[in-house]
Every structure is written in structure tokens, then in C-alpha cells.
């Protein structure tokens, strides 16, 4: 069954980007043993993506020679015109995400929908009761300020279903989100 997953990394104090919108604090952990294989296993279960405009622009600014999510339909929620990526299946939309979500689920073809980012988009999904699972990598740094992990309430409590430990103090917590009543 297709689940909508918010797969994200956050600092110990709950920020997904620093106060300047940067991720250097996170990138210093890219070489953690086992992390790349773990990410690739997650990605193999993804059939469609959703992201906000800022996340899309961040990915474009990274300068990939090819779209890193080739073969996966990607919805970018935005109210402005953004550049396209040749050969990528990117669908820009300003429509209500609750109306778009069934299309993402169909396009995922039995795999999962990944909320790539950011926190405000995830909050919109949460307000509509559309997040089934949160897969949170907790990074052992304290930023003190920045973009919040999830600026919205969720029905609770969440059910912890898995914990994965990595070297250098990084952990992944996997939670099931109860249905919105």
C-alpha cells in the first residue's frame, strides 16, 4: 500500500536548514558508513515525489548534470514560474495539495510518495492528514535557529516503528502517523 512519507534530516534541536537556509551542517555527515546504502534502499521504494519551490531551487543550485530523481514523477508546489529540467518528469502546481495527492499516489504505482521538503510543505500535508509516516534522521548538531522540521500539529501520539543507528551519533527514527480524526 502506498504511504506518503516525510523522509527528512533535522538537527537535534529540530531544524532542517540553518538560519541562512544552508545545509553544510548536514553535509559533513554524508560519508557516514552505511548511510548511502540506506538512502538508496529507501529511494528504491519511492514512486513519486512532492517538494516545495525552495527545495526544488536548492536541488537545481546543486548543479547536478542529470536530475537526481530520474524516472520519478515530481510535483513542485509553487505559485511562480520556475525553470524546468530537460528529461525530468516535473509537474509544477499551485493547486490544493489535497486535490493533487491522489494523482501522486496513482503515479507512485504501488510505491511510496516522498515529501522531499521542506517543513512548510510537510505542514500543509499534515494539516490535511496526508502524512502516513515520518522517517527522521536526527543529526547530532545543535543549530539554535533555522527552518523548523514540521511547523504543524499532528494527531498523536506517533508510533515509533524502527530505530537505526549509524556511526558518529546519527540515528534514524521511523514513526507511523495516526490518521487524522
C-alpha atoms as a PDB file:
ATOM      1  CA  UNK A   1       0.000   0.000   0.000  1.00  0.00           C
ATOM      2  CA  UNK A   2       1.307   3.424  -0.920  1.00  0.00           C
ATOM      3  CA  UNK A   3       2.309   5.603   2.014  1.00  0.00           C
ATOM      4  CA  UNK A   4       3.121   9.281   1.995  1.00  0.00           C
ATOM      5  CA  UNK A   5       6.440   9.616   3.802  1.00  0.00           C
ATOM      6  CA  UNK A   6       8.173  12.684   5.148  1.00  0.00           C
ATOM      7  CA  UNK A   7      11.787  11.483   4.891  1.00  0.00           C
ATOM      8  CA  UNK A   8      13.955  14.215   6.354  1.00  0.00           C
ATOM      9  CA  UNK A   9      17.055  15.036   8.371  1.00  0.00           C
ATOM     10  CA  UNK A  10      16.985  17.508  11.237  1.00  0.00           C
ATOM     11  CA  UNK A  11      19.366  18.888  13.819  1.00  0.00           C
ATOM     12  CA  UNK A  12      18.995  17.746  17.396  1.00  0.00           C
ATOM     13  CA  UNK A  13      17.017  20.926  18.096  1.00  0.00           C
ATOM     14  CA  UNK A  14      14.571  20.344  15.234  1.00  0.00           C
ATOM     15  CA  UNK A  15      15.785  22.373  12.250  1.00  0.00           C
ATOM     16  CA  UNK A  16      16.102  21.117   8.663  1.00  0.00           C
ATOM     17  CA  UNK A  17      18.199  24.077   7.483  1.00  0.00           C
ATOM     18  CA  UNK A  18      20.226  26.667   9.346  1.00  0.00           C
ATOM     19  CA  UNK A  19      19.138  30.294   9.800  1.00  0.00           C
ATOM     20  CA  UNK A  20      20.617  31.136   6.371  1.00  0.00           C
ATOM     21  CA  UNK A  21      18.821  28.227   4.647  1.00  0.00           C
ATOM     22  CA  UNK A  22      22.042  26.241   4.249  1.00  0.00           C
ATOM     23  CA  UNK A  23      22.779  22.554   4.855  1.00  0.00           C
ATOM     24  CA  UNK A  24      26.548  22.471   5.389  1.00  0.00           C
ATOM     25  CA  UNK A  25      25.937  21.246   8.946  1.00  0.00           C
ATOM     26  CA  UNK A  26      24.248  18.187   7.397  1.00  0.00           C
ATOM     27  CA  UNK A  27      26.644  17.555   4.502  1.00  0.00           C
ATOM     28  CA  UNK A  28      29.513  16.895   6.900  1.00  0.00           C
ATOM     29  CA  UNK A  29      27.758  13.565   7.655  1.00  0.00           C
ATOM     30  CA  UNK A  30      27.420  12.431   4.017  1.00  0.00           C
ATOM     31  CA  UNK A  31      30.297   9.971   4.437  1.00  0.00           C
ATOM     32  CA  UNK A  32      28.810   8.149   7.443  1.00  0.00           C
ATOM     33  CA  UNK A  33      29.259   4.421   6.924  1.00  0.00           C
ATOM     34  CA  UNK A  34      26.081   2.711   5.705  1.00  0.00           C
ATOM     35  CA  UNK A  35      24.150   5.917   5.138  1.00  0.00           C
ATOM     36  CA  UNK A  36      24.359   5.932   1.334  1.00  0.00           C
ATOM     37  CA  UNK A  37      23.165   2.323   1.033  1.00  0.00           C
ATOM     38  CA  UNK A  38      20.363   3.022   3.498  1.00  0.00           C
ATOM     39  CA  UNK A  39      19.235   6.052   1.456  1.00  0.00           C
ATOM     40  CA  UNK A  40      19.348   4.061  -1.796  1.00  0.00           C
ATOM     41  CA  UNK A  41      17.171   1.339  -0.221  1.00  0.00           C
ATOM     42  CA  UNK A  42      14.647   3.997   0.828  1.00  0.00           C
ATOM     43  CA  UNK A  43      14.697   5.585  -2.631  1.00  0.00           C
ATOM     44  CA  UNK A  44      14.042   2.208  -4.289  1.00  0.00           C
ATOM     45  CA  UNK A  45      10.647   2.193  -2.549  1.00  0.00           C
ATOM     46  CA  UNK A  46       9.667   5.662  -3.800  1.00  0.00           C
ATOM     47  CA  UNK A  47       7.432   6.095  -6.846  1.00  0.00           C
ATOM     48  CA  UNK A  48       6.614   9.820  -6.746  1.00  0.00           C
ATOM     49  CA  UNK A  49       7.910  12.956  -5.060  1.00  0.00           C
ATOM     50  CA  UNK A  50       6.492  16.206  -3.715  1.00  0.00           C
ATOM     51  CA  UNK A  51       8.573  19.257  -2.920  1.00  0.00           C
ATOM     52  CA  UNK A  52       8.214  22.965  -2.387  1.00  0.00           C
ATOM     53  CA  UNK A  53       9.737  25.596  -4.631  1.00  0.00           C
ATOM     54  CA  UNK A  54      12.637  26.343  -2.263  1.00  0.00           C
ATOM     55  CA  UNK A  55      13.672  22.683  -2.160  1.00  0.00           C
ATOM     56  CA  UNK A  56      13.424  22.453  -5.949  1.00  0.00           C
ATOM     57  CA  UNK A  57      15.586  25.556  -6.354  1.00  0.00           C
ATOM     58  CA  UNK A  58      18.085  24.168  -3.840  1.00  0.00           C
ATOM     59  CA  UNK A  59      18.381  20.946  -5.876  1.00  0.00           C
ATOM     60  CA  UNK A  60      18.853  22.936  -9.083  1.00  0.00           C
ATOM     61  CA  UNK A  61      21.555  25.050  -7.418  1.00  0.00           C
ATOM     62  CA  UNK A  62      23.472  21.874  -6.517  1.00  0.00           C
ATOM     63  CA  UNK A  63      24.395  21.657 -10.198  1.00  0.00           C
ATOM     64  CA  UNK A  64      23.549  18.036 -10.939  1.00  0.00           C
ATOM     65  CA  UNK A  65      24.314  17.098 -14.531  1.00  0.00           C
ATOM     66  CA  UNK A  66      21.160  14.977 -14.590  1.00  0.00           C
ATOM     67  CA  UNK A  67      18.017  15.146 -12.455  1.00  0.00           C
ATOM     68  CA  UNK A  68      18.761  13.032  -9.352  1.00  0.00           C
ATOM     69  CA  UNK A  69      15.243  11.563  -9.337  1.00  0.00           C
ATOM     70  CA  UNK A  70      15.126  10.323 -12.927  1.00  0.00           C
ATOM     71  CA  UNK A  71      12.094   8.216 -13.733  1.00  0.00           C
ATOM     72  CA  UNK A  72      10.065   9.515 -10.782  1.00  0.00           C
ATOM     73  CA  UNK A  73       7.249  11.984 -11.329  1.00  0.00           C
ATOM     74  CA  UNK A  74       7.874  15.043  -9.166  1.00  0.00           C
ATOM     75  CA  UNK A  75       5.276  17.585  -8.110  1.00  0.00           C
ATOM     76  CA  UNK A  76       6.671  21.004  -7.256  1.00  0.00           C
ATOM     77  CA  UNK A  77       4.210  23.117  -5.293  1.00  0.00           C
ATOM     78  CA  UNK A  78       4.720  26.735  -6.279  1.00  0.00           C
ATOM     79  CA  UNK A  79       2.923  29.918  -7.224  1.00  0.00           C
ATOM     80  CA  UNK A  80       5.670  31.170  -9.506  1.00  0.00           C
ATOM     81  CA  UNK A  81       7.362  30.183 -12.737  1.00  0.00           C
ATOM     82  CA  UNK A  82      10.462  28.023 -12.254  1.00  0.00           C
ATOM     83  CA  UNK A  83      12.943  26.583 -14.735  1.00  0.00           C
ATOM     84  CA  UNK A  84      12.437  23.040 -15.938  1.00  0.00           C
ATOM     85  CA  UNK A  85      14.974  20.231 -16.079  1.00  0.00           C
ATOM     86  CA  UNK A  86      15.313  18.589 -19.505  1.00  0.00           C
ATOM     87  CA  UNK A  87      14.143  14.988 -19.458  1.00  0.00           C
ATOM     88  CA  UNK A  88      12.739  15.135 -15.914  1.00  0.00           C
ATOM     89  CA  UNK A  89       9.084  14.423 -15.149  1.00  0.00           C
ATOM     90  CA  UNK A  90       8.409  17.594 -13.159  1.00  0.00           C
ATOM     91  CA  UNK A  91       4.883  18.866 -12.658  1.00  0.00           C
ATOM     92  CA  UNK A  92       4.555  22.395 -11.322  1.00  0.00           C
ATOM     93  CA  UNK A  93       1.323  23.075  -9.487  1.00  0.00           C
ATOM     94  CA  UNK A  94      -0.368  25.751  -7.440  1.00  0.00           C
ATOM     95  CA  UNK A  95      -3.392  23.506  -6.879  1.00  0.00           C
ATOM     96  CA  UNK A  96      -4.522  22.445  -3.434  1.00  0.00           C
ATOM     97  CA  UNK A  97      -2.311  19.558  -2.388  1.00  0.00           C
ATOM     98  CA  UNK A  98      -5.287  17.529  -1.138  1.00  0.00           C
ATOM     99  CA  UNK A  99      -6.616  17.558  -4.709  1.00  0.00           C
ATOM    100  CA  UNK A 100      -3.196  16.701  -6.178  1.00  0.00           C
ATOM    101  CA  UNK A 101      -2.328  13.940  -3.680  1.00  0.00           C
ATOM    102  CA  UNK A 102      -4.471  11.193  -5.324  1.00  0.00           C
ATOM    103  CA  UNK A 103      -2.612  11.831  -8.599  1.00  0.00           C
ATOM    104  CA  UNK A 104       0.725  11.401  -6.808  1.00  0.00           C
ATOM    105  CA  UNK A 105      -0.453   8.146  -5.248  1.00  0.00           C
ATOM    106  CA  UNK A 106      -1.584   6.822  -8.649  1.00  0.00           C
ATOM    107  CA  UNK A 107       1.704   7.876 -10.258  1.00  0.00           C
ATOM    108  CA  UNK A 108       3.664   6.126  -7.482  1.00  0.00           C
ATOM    109  CA  UNK A 109       2.222   2.856  -8.857  1.00  0.00           C
ATOM    110  CA  UNK A 110       2.274   0.946  -5.571  1.00  0.00           C
ATOM    111  CA  UNK A 111       5.448   2.558  -4.279  1.00  0.00           C
ATOM    112  CA  UNK A 112       5.542   5.444  -1.813  1.00  0.00           C
ATOM    113  CA  UNK A 113       5.195   9.213  -2.144  1.00  0.00           C
ATOM    114  CA  UNK A 114       8.170  11.072  -0.652  1.00  0.00           C
ATOM    115  CA  UNK A 115       7.736  14.576   0.745  1.00  0.00           C
ATOM    116  CA  UNK A 116      11.236  15.778  -0.079  1.00  0.00           C
ATOM    117  CA  UNK A 117      10.838  19.118   1.618  1.00  0.00           C
ATOM    118  CA  UNK A 118      10.567  21.362   3.218  1.00  0.00           C
ATOM    119  CA  UNK A 119       8.944  21.706   6.573  1.00  0.00           C
ATOM    120  CA  UNK A 120       6.226  24.097   5.441  1.00  0.00           C
ATOM    121  CA  UNK A 121       5.100  21.777   2.648  1.00  0.00           C
ATOM    122  CA  UNK A 122       5.089  18.860   5.093  1.00  0.00           C
ATOM    123  CA  UNK A 123       2.984  21.002   7.438  1.00  0.00           C
ATOM    124  CA  UNK A 124       0.421  21.505   4.681  1.00  0.00           C
ATOM    125  CA  UNK A 125       0.270  17.744   4.105  1.00  0.00           C
ATOM    126  CA  UNK A 126      -0.065  17.244   7.884  1.00  0.00           C
ATOM    127  CA  UNK A 127      -2.962  19.710   8.131  1.00  0.00           C
ATOM    128  CA  UNK A 128      -4.799  17.624   5.514  1.00  0.00           C
ATOM    129  CA  UNK A 129      -3.992  14.353   7.309  1.00  0.00           C
ATOM    130  CA  UNK A 130      -1.879  13.147   4.374  1.00  0.00           C
ATOM    131  CA  UNK A 131       1.350  12.084   6.108  1.00  0.00           C
ATOM    132  CA  UNK A 132       1.416   8.368   6.884  1.00  0.00           C
ATOM    133  CA  UNK A 133       4.989   8.070   8.084  1.00  0.00           C
ATOM    134  CA  UNK A 134       7.871  10.246   9.224  1.00  0.00           C
ATOM    135  CA  UNK A 135      11.378   8.928   8.651  1.00  0.00           C
ATOM    136  CA  UNK A 136      13.585  11.299  10.616  1.00  0.00           C
ATOM    137  CA  UNK A 137      17.366  11.256  10.660  1.00  0.00           C
ATOM    138  CA  UNK A 138      18.493  13.084  13.778  1.00  0.00           C
ATOM    139  CA  UNK A 139      21.846  14.749  13.195  1.00  0.00           C
ATOM    140  CA  UNK A 140      23.964  15.350  16.318  1.00  0.00           C
ATOM    141  CA  UNK A 141      24.355  19.104  15.913  1.00  0.00           C
ATOM    142  CA  UNK A 142      22.508  21.985  17.564  1.00  0.00           C
ATOM    143  CA  UNK A 143      21.773  24.925  15.265  1.00  0.00           C
ATOM    144  CA  UNK A 144      19.852  27.214  17.602  1.00  0.00           C
ATOM    145  CA  UNK A 145      17.690  28.580  14.779  1.00  0.00           C
ATOM    146  CA  UNK A 146      16.620  27.792  11.248  1.00  0.00           C
ATOM    147  CA  UNK A 147      13.842  26.201   9.222  1.00  0.00           C
ATOM    148  CA  UNK A 148      11.650  24.083  11.509  1.00  0.00           C
ATOM    149  CA  UNK A 149      11.211  20.364  10.956  1.00  0.00           C
ATOM    150  CA  UNK A 150       7.412  20.435  10.925  1.00  0.00           C
ATOM    151  CA  UNK A 151       5.603  23.634  11.869  1.00  0.00           C
ATOM    152  CA  UNK A 152       2.229  21.922  12.350  1.00  0.00           C
ATOM    153  CA  UNK A 153       0.469  19.694  14.839  1.00  0.00           C
ATOM    154  CA  UNK A 154      -0.048  16.015  14.120  1.00  0.00           C
ATOM    155  CA  UNK A 155      -2.593  13.710  15.676  1.00  0.00           C
ATOM    156  CA  UNK A 156      -0.725  11.772  18.259  1.00  0.00           C
ATOM    157  CA  UNK A 157       0.974  10.107  19.733  1.00  0.00           C
ATOM    158  CA  UNK A 158       3.104   8.869  16.858  1.00  0.00           C
ATOM    159  CA  UNK A 159       4.079   5.202  16.872  1.00  0.00           C
ATOM    160  CA  UNK A 160       7.814   4.529  16.782  1.00  0.00           C
ATOM    161  CA  UNK A 161       8.269   1.571  14.426  1.00  0.00           C
ATOM    162  CA  UNK A 162      12.049   1.457  13.909  1.00  0.00           C
ATOM    163  CA  UNK A 163      15.331   2.928  15.099  1.00  0.00           C
ATOM    164  CA  UNK A 164      18.503   2.681  13.029  1.00  0.00           C
ATOM    165  CA  UNK A 165      21.850   3.726  14.496  1.00  0.00           C
ATOM    166  CA  UNK A 166      24.692   4.962  12.350  1.00  0.00           C
ATOM    167  CA  UNK A 167      28.272   5.887  13.289  1.00  0.00           C
ATOM    168  CA  UNK A 168      29.107   9.383  14.546  1.00  0.00           C
ATOM    169  CA  UNK A 169      25.915   9.693  16.585  1.00  0.00           C
ATOM    170  CA  UNK A 170      23.426   9.825  13.711  1.00  0.00           C
ATOM    171  CA  UNK A 171      20.142   7.970  14.220  1.00  0.00           C
ATOM    172  CA  UNK A 172      17.063   7.402  12.119  1.00  0.00           C
ATOM    173  CA  UNK A 173      13.660   7.247  13.774  1.00  0.00           C
ATOM    174  CA  UNK A 174      10.691   5.869  11.848  1.00  0.00           C
ATOM    175  CA  UNK A 175       7.202   6.856  13.039  1.00  0.00           C
ATOM    176  CA  UNK A 176       3.723   5.965  11.853  1.00  0.00           C
ATOM    177  CA  UNK A 177       1.355   8.927  11.987  1.00  0.00           C
ATOM    178  CA  UNK A 178      -2.153   8.071  13.197  1.00  0.00           C
ATOM    179  CA  UNK A 179      -4.998   9.022  10.879  1.00  0.00           C
ATOM    180  CA  UNK A 180      -6.490  12.460  11.322  1.00  0.00           C
ATOM    181  CA  UNK A 181      -9.839  12.186  13.059  1.00  0.00           C
END
